[in-house]
Amino acid sequence: QKEKFAITSDEYGEYAFCVYASKLEYLNLKKARFTIKLHREYDQNIEEAAKTQHISSIQLAARQIANKTQEFIDIQEYERREEDVLAEENQKVNRRVIYTTVFQLSLIHI
């Protein structure tokens, strides 16, 4: 059974999605599959604002550059946080591999 829904937001950032079974028959499933598709749309109509606010073309260009710069900074911050999480996960896995290897070697020598 496929269900679809859409969420829109004007803010960048991390979002949490909670998926739960609303029917008892779904609780017996061992696996559930769901897909999240993210579509980025940056729809800030600066040209329309320029007409209503009587902004010069240089001010308009400056605003567009500022908006693009902020968007780029937000993306970089998000990717930096994700990289930190992945690096921490990698260190945990490496420690587990070392512990397992040491344990196996100790069993071989006994």
PDB file of N, CA and C in Angstrom:
ATOM      1  N   GLN A   1       0.842  -1.168   0.000  1.00  0.00           N
ATOM      2  CA  GLN A   1       0.000   0.000   0.000  1.00  0.00           C
ATOM      3  C   GLN A   1       0.889   1.233   0.000  1.00  0.00           C
ATOM      4  N   LYS A   2       0.616   2.132  -0.917  1.00  0.00           N
ATOM      5  CA  LYS A   2       1.426   3.338  -1.025  1.00  0.00           C
ATOM      6  C   LYS A   2       0.625   4.540  -0.557  1.00  0.00           C
ATOM      7  N   GLU A   3       1.266   5.327   0.256  1.00  0.00           N
ATOM      8  CA  GLU A   3       0.682   6.580   0.724  1.00  0.00           C
ATOM      9  C   GLU A   3       1.621   7.701   0.330  1.00  0.00           C
ATOM     10  N   LYS A   4       1.064   8.848  -0.004  1.00  0.00           N
ATOM     11  CA  LYS A   4       1.890   9.995  -0.368  1.00  0.00           C
ATOM     12  C   LYS A   4       1.442  11.209   0.420  1.00  0.00           C
ATOM     13  N   PHE A   5       2.401  12.048   0.760  1.00  0.00           N
ATOM     14  CA  PHE A   5       2.104  13.321   1.386  1.00  0.00           C
ATOM     15  C   PHE A   5       3.234  14.281   1.070  1.00  0.00           C
ATOM     16  N   ALA A   6       2.978  15.546   1.248  1.00  0.00           N
ATOM     17  CA  ALA A   6       3.996  16.559   0.951  1.00  0.00           C
ATOM     18  C   ALA A   6       4.109  17.522   2.124  1.00  0.00           C
ATOM     19  N   ILE A   7       5.319  17.990   2.347  1.00  0.00           N
ATOM     20  CA  ILE A   7       5.596  18.972   3.390  1.00  0.00           C
ATOM     21  C   ILE A   7       6.385  20.099   2.746  1.00  0.00           C
ATOM     22  N   THR A   8       6.020  21.314   3.057  1.00  0.00           N
ATOM     23  CA  THR A   8       6.788  22.455   2.552  1.00  0.00           C
ATOM     24  C   THR A   8       7.289  23.268   3.734  1.00  0.00           C
ATOM     25  N   SER A   9       8.430  23.912   3.520  1.00  0.00           N
ATOM     26  CA  SER A   9       9.013  24.722   4.573  1.00  0.00           C
ATOM     27  C   SER A   9       9.797  25.861   3.942  1.00  0.00           C
ATOM     28  N   ASP A  10       9.792  26.980   4.609  1.00  0.00           N
ATOM     29  CA  ASP A  10      10.577  28.121   4.158  1.00  0.00           C
ATOM     30  C   ASP A  10      11.942  28.165   4.816  1.00  0.00           C
ATOM     31  N   GLU A  11      12.199  27.250   5.725  1.00  0.00           N
ATOM     32  CA  GLU A  11      13.432  27.243   6.499  1.00  0.00           C
ATOM     33  C   GLU A  11      14.309  26.064   6.107  1.00  0.00           C
ATOM     34  N   TYR A  12      15.627  26.301   6.052  1.00  0.00           N
ATOM     35  CA  TYR A  12      16.580  25.212   5.880  1.00  0.00           C
ATOM     36  C   TYR A  12      16.818  24.577   7.230  1.00  0.00           C
ATOM     37  N   GLY A  13      17.278  23.350   7.205  1.00  0.00           N
ATOM     38  CA  GLY A  13      17.629  22.711   8.455  1.00  0.00           C
ATOM     39  C   GLY A  13      17.358  21.228   8.407  1.00  0.00           C
ATOM     40  N   GLU A  14      17.463  20.617   9.553  1.00  0.00           N
ATOM     41  CA  GLU A  14      17.214  19.199   9.677  1.00  0.00           C
ATOM     42  C   GLU A  14      15.781  18.990  10.134  1.00  0.00           C
ATOM     43  N   TYR A  15      15.153  17.979   9.580  1.00  0.00           N
ATOM     44  CA  TYR A  15      13.782  17.670   9.920  1.00  0.00           C
ATOM     45  C   TYR A  15      13.698  16.204  10.297  1.00  0.00           C
ATOM     46  N   ALA A  16      12.874  15.896  11.252  1.00  0.00           N
ATOM     47  CA  ALA A  16      12.676  14.515  11.677  1.00  0.00           C
ATOM     48  C   ALA A  16      11.308  14.055  11.205  1.00  0.00           C
ATOM     49  N   PHE A  17      11.254  12.840  10.680  1.00  0.00           N
ATOM     50  CA  PHE A  17      10.002  12.252  10.233  1.00  0.00           C
ATOM     51  C   PHE A  17       9.726  11.034  11.093  1.00  0.00           C
ATOM     52  N   CYS A  18       8.534  10.934  11.575  1.00  0.00           N
ATOM     53  CA  CYS A  18       8.137   9.795  12.387  1.00  0.00           C
ATOM     54  C   CYS A  18       7.209   8.921  11.542  1.00  0.00           C
ATOM     55  N   VAL A  19       7.561   7.651  11.398  1.00  0.00           N
ATOM     56  CA  VAL A  19       6.754   6.709  10.627  1.00  0.00           C
ATOM     57  C   VAL A  19       6.234   5.679  11.611  1.00  0.00           C
ATOM     58  N   TYR A  20       4.934   5.491  11.622  1.00  0.00           N
ATOM     59  CA  TYR A  20       4.364   4.516  12.543  1.00  0.00           C
ATOM     60  C   TYR A  20       3.258   3.733  11.848  1.00  0.00           C
ATOM     61  N   ALA A  21       2.946   2.565  12.413  1.00  0.00           N
ATOM     62  CA  ALA A  21       1.913   1.697  11.851  1.00  0.00           C
ATOM     63  C   ALA A  21       0.576   2.059  12.481  1.00  0.00           C
ATOM     64  N   SER A  22      -0.382   2.384  11.651  1.00  0.00           N
ATOM     65  CA  SER A  22      -1.693   2.743  12.170  1.00  0.00           C
ATOM     66  C   SER A  22      -2.635   1.536  12.228  1.00  0.00           C
ATOM     67  N   LYS A  23      -2.235   0.435  11.607  1.00  0.00           N
ATOM     68  CA  LYS A  23      -3.049  -0.780  11.629  1.00  0.00           C
ATOM     69  C   LYS A  23      -2.224  -1.914  12.220  1.00  0.00           C
ATOM     70  N   LEU A  24      -2.876  -2.814  12.919  1.00  0.00           N
ATOM     71  CA  LEU A  24      -2.176  -3.914  13.564  1.00  0.00           C
ATOM     72  C   LEU A  24      -1.488  -4.834  12.567  1.00  0.00           C
ATOM     73  N   GLU A  25      -2.027  -4.966  11.370  1.00  0.00           N
ATOM     74  CA  GLU A  25      -1.435  -5.873  10.379  1.00  0.00           C
ATOM     75  C   GLU A  25      -0.029  -5.428   9.978  1.00  0.00           C
ATOM     76  N   TYR A  26       0.245  -4.137  10.073  1.00  0.00           N
ATOM     77  CA  TYR A  26       1.575  -3.644   9.723  1.00  0.00           C
ATOM     78  C   TYR A  26       2.609  -3.964  10.802  1.00  0.00           C
ATOM     79  N   LEU A  27       2.168  -4.195  12.016  1.00  0.00           N
ATOM     80  CA  LEU A  27       3.095  -4.495  13.104  1.00  0.00           C
ATOM     81  C   LEU A  27       3.755  -5.855  12.941  1.00  0.00           C
ATOM     82  N   ASN A  28       3.129  -6.761  12.187  1.00  0.00           N
ATOM     83  CA  ASN A  28       3.682  -8.092  11.975  1.00  0.00           C
ATOM     84  C   ASN A  28       4.739  -8.119  10.875  1.00  0.00           C
ATOM     85  N   LEU A  29       4.897  -7.030  10.164  1.00  0.00           N
ATOM     86  CA  LEU A  29       5.897  -6.981   9.109  1.00  0.00           C
ATOM     87  C   LEU A  29       7.293  -6.929   9.710  1.00  0.00           C
ATOM     88  N   LYS A  30       8.213  -7.666   9.117  1.00  0.00           N
ATOM     89  CA  LYS A  30       9.595  -7.610   9.589  1.00  0.00           C
ATOM     90  C   LYS A  30      10.336  -6.467   8.933  1.00  0.00           C
ATOM     91  N   LYS A  31       9.901  -6.092   7.758  1.00  0.00           N
ATOM     92  CA  LYS A  31      10.548  -4.991   7.054  1.00  0.00           C
ATOM     93  C   LYS A  31       9.476  -4.063   6.495  1.00  0.00           C
ATOM     94  N   ALA A  32       9.796  -2.827   6.516  1.00  0.00           N
ATOM     95  CA  ALA A  32       8.926  -1.823   5.903  1.00  0.00           C
ATOM     96  C   ALA A  32       9.812  -0.933   5.046  1.00  0.00           C
ATOM     97  N   ARG A  33       9.306  -0.532   3.933  1.00  0.00           N
ATOM     98  CA  ARG A  33      10.088   0.302   3.030  1.00  0.00           C
ATOM     99  C   ARG A  33       9.372   1.631   2.855  1.00  0.00           C
ATOM    100  N   PHE A  34      10.143   2.689   2.967  1.00  0.00           N
ATOM    101  CA  PHE A  34       9.601   3.998   2.674  1.00  0.00           C
ATOM    102  C   PHE A  34      10.682   4.834   2.020  1.00  0.00           C
ATOM    103  N   THR A  35      10.256   5.772   1.235  1.00  0.00           N
ATOM    104  CA  THR A  35      11.165   6.618   0.479  1.00  0.00           C
ATOM    105  C   THR A  35      10.841   8.062   0.769  1.00  0.00           C
ATOM    106  N   ILE A  36      11.883   8.845   0.956  1.00  0.00           N
ATOM    107  CA  ILE A  36      11.710  10.280   1.141  1.00  0.00           C
ATOM    108  C   ILE A  36      12.426  10.966  -0.011  1.00  0.00           C
ATOM    109  N   LYS A  37      11.698  11.751  -0.748  1.00  0.00           N
ATOM    110  CA  LYS A  37      12.287  12.513  -1.843  1.00  0.00           C
ATOM    111  C   LYS A  37      12.268  13.985  -1.460  1.00  0.00           C
ATOM    112  N   LEU A  38      13.418  14.610  -1.555  1.00  0.00           N
ATOM    113  CA  LEU A  38      13.527  16.019  -1.213  1.00  0.00           C
ATOM    114  C   LEU A  38      13.668  16.830  -2.498  1.00  0.00           C
ATOM    115  N   HIS A  39      12.843  17.822  -2.618  1.00  0.00           N
ATOM    116  CA  HIS A  39      12.914  18.725  -3.757  1.00  0.00           C
ATOM    117  C   HIS A  39      13.198  20.111  -3.225  1.00  0.00           C
ATOM    118  N   ARG A  40      14.291  20.674  -3.663  1.00  0.00           N
ATOM    119  CA  ARG A  40      14.651  22.019  -3.220  1.00  0.00           C
ATOM    120  C   ARG A  40      14.139  23.004  -4.240  1.00  0.00           C
ATOM    121  N   GLU A  41      13.352  23.917  -3.776  1.00  0.00           N
ATOM    122  CA  GLU A  41      12.884  24.997  -4.623  1.00  0.00           C
ATOM    123  C   GLU A  41      13.177  26.303  -3.918  1.00  0.00           C
ATOM    124  N   TYR A  42      13.865  27.133  -4.595  1.00  0.00           N
ATOM    125  CA  TYR A  42      14.193  28.434  -4.020  1.00  0.00           C
ATOM    126  C   TYR A  42      13.383  29.453  -4.790  1.00  0.00           C
ATOM    127  N   ASP A  43      12.209  29.747  -4.297  1.00  0.00           N
ATOM    128  CA  ASP A  43      11.276  30.583  -5.034  1.00  0.00           C
ATOM    129  C   ASP A  43      11.071  31.894  -4.291  1.00  0.00           C
ATOM    130  N   GLN A  44      12.043  32.730  -4.382  1.00  0.00           N
ATOM    131  CA  GLN A  44      11.906  34.053  -3.786  1.00  0.00           C
ATOM    132  C   GLN A  44      11.872  35.030  -4.948  1.00  0.00           C
ATOM    133  N   ASN A  45      10.731  35.605  -5.181  1.00  0.00           N
ATOM    134  CA  ASN A  45      10.534  36.439  -6.353  1.00  0.00           C
ATOM    135  C   ASN A  45      11.100  37.830  -6.104  1.00  0.00           C
ATOM    136  N   ILE A  46      12.381  37.956  -6.334  1.00  0.00           N
ATOM    137  CA  ILE A  46      13.074  39.225  -6.074  1.00  0.00           C
ATOM    138  C   ILE A  46      12.684  40.267  -7.113  1.00  0.00           C
ATOM    139  N   GLU A  47      12.463  39.823  -8.348  1.00  0.00           N
ATOM    140  CA  GLU A  47      12.087  40.778  -9.390  1.00  0.00           C
ATOM    141  C   GLU A  47      10.768  41.471  -9.058  1.00  0.00           C
ATOM    142  N   GLU A  48       9.820  40.702  -8.520  1.00  0.00           N
ATOM    143  CA  GLU A  48       8.524  41.283  -8.134  1.00  0.00           C
ATOM    144  C   GLU A  48       8.704  42.268  -6.982  1.00  0.00           C
ATOM    145  N   ALA A  49       9.573  41.905  -6.037  1.00  0.00           N
ATOM    146  CA  ALA A  49       9.850  42.812  -4.919  1.00  0.00           C
ATOM    147  C   ALA A  49      10.515  44.089  -5.416  1.00  0.00           C
ATOM    148  N   ALA A  50      11.347  43.968  -6.439  1.00  0.00           N
ATOM    149  CA  ALA A  50      12.033  45.148  -6.981  1.00  0.00           C
ATOM    150  C   ALA A  50      11.031  46.131  -7.576  1.00  0.00           C
ATOM    151  N   LYS A  51       9.985  45.606  -8.207  1.00  0.00           N
ATOM    152  CA  LYS A  51       8.970  46.484  -8.811  1.00  0.00           C
ATOM    153  C   LYS A  51       8.186  47.232  -7.741  1.00  0.00           C
ATOM    154  N   THR A  52       7.828  46.524  -6.675  1.00  0.00           N
ATOM    155  CA  THR A  52       6.993  47.147  -5.651  1.00  0.00           C
ATOM    156  C   THR A  52       7.782  48.040  -4.704  1.00  0.00           C
ATOM    157  N   GLN A  53       9.073  47.756  -4.533  1.00  0.00           N
ATOM    158  CA  GLN A  53       9.874  48.513  -3.582  1.00  0.00           C
ATOM    159  C   GLN A  53      10.780  49.536  -4.259  1.00  0.00           C
ATOM    160  N   HIS A  54      10.713  49.654  -5.574  1.00  0.00           N
ATOM    161  CA  HIS A  54      11.521  50.605  -6.342  1.00  0.00           C
ATOM    162  C   HIS A  54      13.009  50.443  -6.048  1.00  0.00           C
ATOM    163  N   ILE A  55      13.486  49.231  -6.242  1.00  0.00           N
ATOM    164  CA  ILE A  55      14.883  48.912  -5.981  1.00  0.00           C
ATOM    165  C   ILE A  55      15.665  49.038  -7.288  1.00  0.00           C
ATOM    166  N   SER A  56      16.845  49.606  -7.209  1.00  0.00           N
ATOM    167  CA  SER A  56      17.678  49.743  -8.405  1.00  0.00           C
ATOM    168  C   SER A  56      18.225  48.380  -8.818  1.00  0.00           C
ATOM    169  N   SER A  57      18.729  48.305 -10.020  1.00  0.00           N
ATOM    170  CA  SER A  57      19.242  47.029 -10.535  1.00  0.00           C
ATOM    171  C   SER A  57      20.469  46.563  -9.747  1.00  0.00           C
ATOM    172  N   ILE A  58      21.268  47.492  -9.260  1.00  0.00           N
ATOM    173  CA  ILE A  58      22.439  47.108  -8.456  1.00  0.00           C
ATOM    174  C   ILE A  58      21.996  46.545  -7.113  1.00  0.00           C
ATOM    175  N   GLN A  59      20.999  47.173  -6.488  1.00  0.00           N
ATOM    176  CA  GLN A  59      20.485  46.655  -5.220  1.00  0.00           C
ATOM    177  C   GLN A  59      19.832  45.290  -5.432  1.00  0.00           C
ATOM    178  N   LEU A  60      19.142  45.147  -6.557  1.00  0.00           N
ATOM    179  CA  LEU A  60      18.513  43.865  -6.886  1.00  0.00           C
ATOM    180  C   LEU A  60      19.575  42.780  -7.031  1.00  0.00           C
ATOM    181  N   ALA A  61      20.642  43.064  -7.754  1.00  0.00           N
ATOM    182  CA  ALA A  61      21.731  42.098  -7.929  1.00  0.00           C
ATOM    183  C   ALA A  61      22.391  41.771  -6.595  1.00  0.00           C
ATOM    184  N   ALA A  62      22.567  42.779  -5.755  1.00  0.00           N
ATOM    185  CA  ALA A  62      23.171  42.553  -4.436  1.00  0.00           C
ATOM    186  C   ALA A  62      22.295  41.642  -3.586  1.00  0.00           C
ATOM    187  N   ARG A  63      20.993  41.837  -3.625  1.00  0.00           N
ATOM    188  CA  ARG A  63      20.082  40.965  -2.864  1.00  0.00           C
ATOM    189  C   ARG A  63      20.121  39.537  -3.381  1.00  0.00           C
ATOM    190  N   GLN A  64      20.162  39.390  -4.701  1.00  0.00           N
ATOM    191  CA  GLN A  64      20.214  38.046  -5.271  1.00  0.00           C
ATOM    192  C   GLN A  64      21.502  37.340  -4.860  1.00  0.00           C
ATOM    193  N   ILE A  65      22.611  38.044  -4.890  1.00  0.00           N
ATOM    194  CA  ILE A  65      23.888  37.454  -4.481  1.00  0.00           C
ATOM    195  C   ILE A  65      23.859  37.104  -2.995  1.00  0.00           C
ATOM    196  N   ALA A  66      23.296  37.988  -2.178  1.00  0.00           N
ATOM    197  CA  ALA A  66      23.202  37.717  -0.738  1.00  0.00           C
ATOM    198  C   ALA A  66      22.345  36.485  -0.471  1.00  0.00           C
ATOM    199  N   ASN A  67      21.235  36.356  -1.184  1.00  0.00           N
ATOM    200  CA  ASN A  67      20.368  35.186  -1.002  1.00  0.00           C
ATOM    201  C   ASN A  67      21.076  33.902  -1.416  1.00  0.00           C
ATOM    202  N   LYS A  68      21.753  33.921  -2.535  1.00  0.00           N
ATOM    203  CA  LYS A  68      22.482  32.733  -2.999  1.00  0.00           C
ATOM    204  C   LYS A  68      23.614  32.389  -2.034  1.00  0.00           C
ATOM    205  N   THR A  69      24.289  33.410  -1.506  1.00  0.00           N
ATOM    206  CA  THR A  69      25.374  33.186  -0.555  1.00  0.00           C
ATOM    207  C   THR A  69      24.848  32.533   0.717  1.00  0.00           C
ATOM    208  N   GLN A  70      23.735  33.024   1.221  1.00  0.00           N
ATOM    209  CA  GLN A  70      23.149  32.446   2.432  1.00  0.00           C
ATOM    210  C   GLN A  70      22.710  31.004   2.182  1.00  0.00           C
ATOM    211  N   GLU A  71      22.153  30.747   1.027  1.00  0.00           N
ATOM    212  CA  GLU A  71      21.747  29.384   0.678  1.00  0.00           C
ATOM    213  C   GLU A  71      22.976  28.465   0.664  1.00  0.00           C
ATOM    214  N   PHE A  72      24.068  28.934   0.080  1.00  0.00           N
ATOM    215  CA  PHE A  72      25.304  28.161   0.015  1.00  0.00           C
ATOM    216  C   PHE A  72      25.860  27.899   1.416  1.00  0.00           C
ATOM    217  N   ILE A  73      25.838  28.913   2.280  1.00  0.00           N
ATOM    218  CA  ILE A  73      26.334  28.766   3.652  1.00  0.00           C
ATOM    219  C   ILE A  73      25.489  27.750   4.416  1.00  0.00           C
ATOM    220  N   ASP A  74      24.174  27.800   4.248  1.00  0.00           N
ATOM    221  CA  ASP A  74      23.295  26.847   4.918  1.00  0.00           C
ATOM    222  C   ASP A  74      23.591  25.417   4.481  1.00  0.00           C
ATOM    223  N   ILE A  75      23.819  25.230   3.190  1.00  0.00           N
ATOM    224  CA  ILE A  75      24.129  23.897   2.681  1.00  0.00           C
ATOM    225  C   ILE A  75      25.464  23.417   3.237  1.00  0.00           C
ATOM    226  N   GLN A  76      26.457  24.288   3.287  1.00  0.00           N
ATOM    227  CA  GLN A  76      27.761  23.919   3.837  1.00  0.00           C
ATOM    228  C   GLN A  76      27.666  23.530   5.307  1.00  0.00           C
ATOM    229  N   GLU A  77      26.899  24.266   6.080  1.00  0.00           N
ATOM    230  CA  GLU A  77      26.739  23.948   7.508  1.00  0.00           C
ATOM    231  C   GLU A  77      26.081  22.583   7.687  1.00  0.00           C
ATOM    232  N   TYR A  78      25.062  22.319   6.885  1.00  0.00           N
ATOM    233  CA  TYR A  78      24.391  21.021   6.970  1.00  0.00           C
ATOM    234  C   TYR A  78      25.358  19.893   6.610  1.00  0.00           C
ATOM    235  N   GLU A  79      26.112  20.069   5.529  1.00  0.00           N
ATOM    236  CA  GLU A  79      27.051  19.031   5.110  1.00  0.00           C
ATOM    237  C   GLU A  79      28.164  18.840   6.138  1.00  0.00           C
ATOM    238  N   ARG A  80      28.589  19.896   6.793  1.00  0.00           N
ATOM    239  CA  ARG A  80      29.616  19.796   7.841  1.00  0.00           C
ATOM    240  C   ARG A  80      29.097  18.962   9.013  1.00  0.00           C
ATOM    241  N   ARG A  81      27.854  19.210   9.415  1.00  0.00           N
ATOM    242  CA  ARG A  81      27.270  18.415  10.513  1.00  0.00           C
ATOM    243  C   ARG A  81      27.148  16.948  10.117  1.00  0.00           C
ATOM    244  N   GLU A  82      26.730  16.701   8.896  1.00  0.00           N
ATOM    245  CA  GLU A  82      26.605  15.322   8.425  1.00  0.00           C
ATOM    246  C   GLU A  82      27.964  14.632   8.377  1.00  0.00           C
ATOM    247  N   GLU A  83      28.998  15.355   7.963  1.00  0.00           N
ATOM    248  CA  GLU A  83      30.352  14.803   7.914  1.00  0.00           C
ATOM    249  C   GLU A  83      30.831  14.448   9.313  1.00  0.00           C
ATOM    250  N   ASP A  84      30.525  15.281  10.302  1.00  0.00           N
ATOM    251  CA  ASP A  84      30.905  14.987  11.686  1.00  0.00           C
ATOM    252  C   ASP A  84      30.237  13.713  12.186  1.00  0.00           C
ATOM    253  N   VAL A  85      28.965  13.554  11.862  1.00  0.00           N
ATOM    254  CA  VAL A  85      28.231  12.352  12.282  1.00  0.00           C
ATOM    255  C   VAL A  85      28.848  11.115  11.636  1.00  0.00           C
ATOM    256  N   LEU A  86      29.150  11.197  10.342  1.00  0.00           N
ATOM    257  CA  LEU A  86      29.737  10.050   9.650  1.00  0.00           C
ATOM    258  C   LEU A  86      31.140   9.725  10.167  1.00  0.00           C
ATOM    259  N   ALA A  87      31.926  10.740  10.492  1.00  0.00           N
ATOM    260  CA  ALA A  87      33.266  10.504  11.034  1.00  0.00           C
ATOM    261  C   ALA A  87      33.179   9.796  12.386  1.00  0.00           C
ATOM    262  N   GLU A  88      32.236  10.209  13.211  1.00  0.00           N
ATOM    263  CA  GLU A  88      32.054   9.569  14.524  1.00  0.00           C
ATOM    264  C   GLU A  88      31.628   8.113  14.358  1.00  0.00           C
ATOM    265  N   GLU A  89      30.719   7.855  13.418  1.00  0.00           N
ATOM    266  CA  GLU A  89      30.279   6.484  13.147  1.00  0.00           C
ATOM    267  C   GLU A  89      31.456   5.643  12.665  1.00  0.00           C
ATOM    268  N   ASN A  90      32.284   6.216  11.807  1.00  0.00           N
ATOM    269  CA  ASN A  90      33.450   5.510  11.281  1.00  0.00           C
ATOM    270  C   ASN A  90      34.409   5.132  12.406  1.00  0.00           C
ATOM    271  N   GLN A  91      34.629   6.030  13.351  1.00  0.00           N
ATOM    272  CA  GLN A  91      35.513   5.738  14.480  1.00  0.00           C
ATOM    273  C   GLN A  91      34.945   4.621  15.347  1.00  0.00           C
ATOM    274  N   LYS A  92      33.628   4.607  15.543  1.00  0.00           N
ATOM    275  CA  LYS A  92      33.004   3.536  16.325  1.00  0.00           C
ATOM    276  C   LYS A  92      33.194   2.188  15.649  1.00  0.00           C
ATOM    277  N   VAL A  93      33.001   2.146  14.349  1.00  0.00           N
ATOM    278  CA  VAL A  93      33.173   0.892  13.608  1.00  0.00           C
ATOM    279  C   VAL A  93      34.623   0.429  13.670  1.00  0.00           C
ATOM    280  N   ASN A  94      35.545   1.361  13.512  1.00  0.00           N
ATOM    281  CA  ASN A  94      36.968   1.000  13.582  1.00  0.00           C
ATOM    282  C   ASN A  94      37.326   0.422  14.946  1.00  0.00           C
ATOM    283  N   ARG A  95      36.804   1.013  16.015  1.00  0.00           N
ATOM    284  CA  ARG A  95      37.068   0.482  17.358  1.00  0.00           C
ATOM    285  C   ARG A  95      36.510  -0.935  17.505  1.00  0.00           C
ATOM    286  N   ARG A  96      35.330  -1.160  16.984  1.00  0.00           N
ATOM    287  CA  ARG A  96      34.730  -2.500  17.071  1.00  0.00           C
ATOM    288  C   ARG A  96      35.560  -3.522  16.304  1.00  0.00           C
ATOM    289  N   VAL A  97      36.080  -3.124  15.153  1.00  0.00           N
ATOM    290  CA  VAL A  97      36.921  -4.030  14.368  1.00  0.00           C
ATOM    291  C   VAL A  97      38.187  -4.366  15.143  1.00  0.00           C
ATOM    292  N   ILE A  98      38.793  -3.384  15.761  1.00  0.00           N
ATOM    293  CA  ILE A  98      40.017  -3.621  16.547  1.00  0.00           C
ATOM    294  C   ILE A  98      39.725  -4.555  17.716  1.00  0.00           C
ATOM    295  N   TYR A  99      38.643  -4.294  18.446  1.00  0.00           N
ATOM    296  CA  TYR A  99      38.295  -5.150  19.587  1.00  0.00           C
ATOM    297  C   TYR A  99      38.033  -6.585  19.134  1.00  0.00           C
ATOM    298  N   THR A 100      37.330  -6.735  18.031  1.00  0.00           N
ATOM    299  CA  THR A 100      37.023  -8.074  17.520  1.00  0.00           C
ATOM    300  C   THR A 100      38.297  -8.784  17.080  1.00  0.00           C
ATOM    301  N   THR A 101      39.184  -8.059  16.432  1.00  0.00           N
ATOM    302  CA  THR A 101      40.449  -8.652  15.980  1.00  0.00           C
ATOM    303  C   THR A 101      41.296  -9.089  17.170  1.00  0.00           C
ATOM    304  N   VAL A 102      41.398  -8.241  18.175  1.00  0.00           N
ATOM    305  CA  VAL A 102      42.166  -8.598  19.374  1.00  0.00           C
ATOM    306  C   VAL A 102      41.547  -9.820  20.051  1.00  0.00           C
ATOM    307  N   PHE A 103      40.241  -9.862  20.146  1.00  0.00           N
ATOM    308  CA  PHE A 103      39.558 -11.000  20.756  1.00  0.00           C
ATOM    309  C   PHE A 103      39.821 -12.277  19.964  1.00  0.00           C
ATOM    310  N   GLN A 104      39.737 -12.196  18.640  1.00  0.00           N
ATOM    311  CA  GLN A 104      39.989 -13.376  17.811  1.00  0.00           C
ATOM    312  C   GLN A 104      41.430 -13.848  17.942  1.00  0.00           C
ATOM    313  N   LEU A 105      42.363 -12.911  17.964  1.00  0.00           N
ATOM    314  CA  LEU A 105      43.764 -13.286  18.119  1.00  0.00           C
ATOM    315  C   LEU A 105      44.022 -13.943  19.464  1.00  0.00           C
ATOM    316  N   SER A 106      43.365 -13.454  20.512  1.00  0.00           N
ATOM    317  CA  SER A 106      43.539 -14.065  21.838  1.00  0.00           C
ATOM    318  C   SER A 106      42.947 -15.488  21.872  1.00  0.00           C
ATOM    319  N   LEU A 107      41.875 -15.704  21.126  1.00  0.00           N
ATOM    320  CA  LEU A 107      41.298 -17.046  21.068  1.00  0.00           C
ATOM    321  C   LEU A 107      42.208 -18.010  20.302  1.00  0.00           C
ATOM    322  N   ILE A 108      42.864 -17.507  19.269  1.00  0.00           N
ATOM    323  CA  ILE A 108      43.749 -18.356  18.461  1.00  0.00           C
ATOM    324  C   ILE A 108      44.960 -18.793  19.294  1.00  0.00           C
ATOM    325  N   HIS A 109      45.485 -17.922  20.134  1.00  0.00           N
ATOM    326  CA  HIS A 109      46.679 -18.243  20.925  1.00  0.00           C
ATOM    327  C   HIS A 109      46.371 -19.088  22.155  1.00  0.00           C
ATOM    328  N   ILE A 110      45.116 -19.239  22.494  1.00  0.00           N
ATOM    329  CA  ILE A 110      44.770 -20.050  23.697  1.00  0.00           C
ATOM    330  C   ILE A 110      44.727 -21.514  23.367  1.00  0.00           C
TER     331      ILE A 110
END
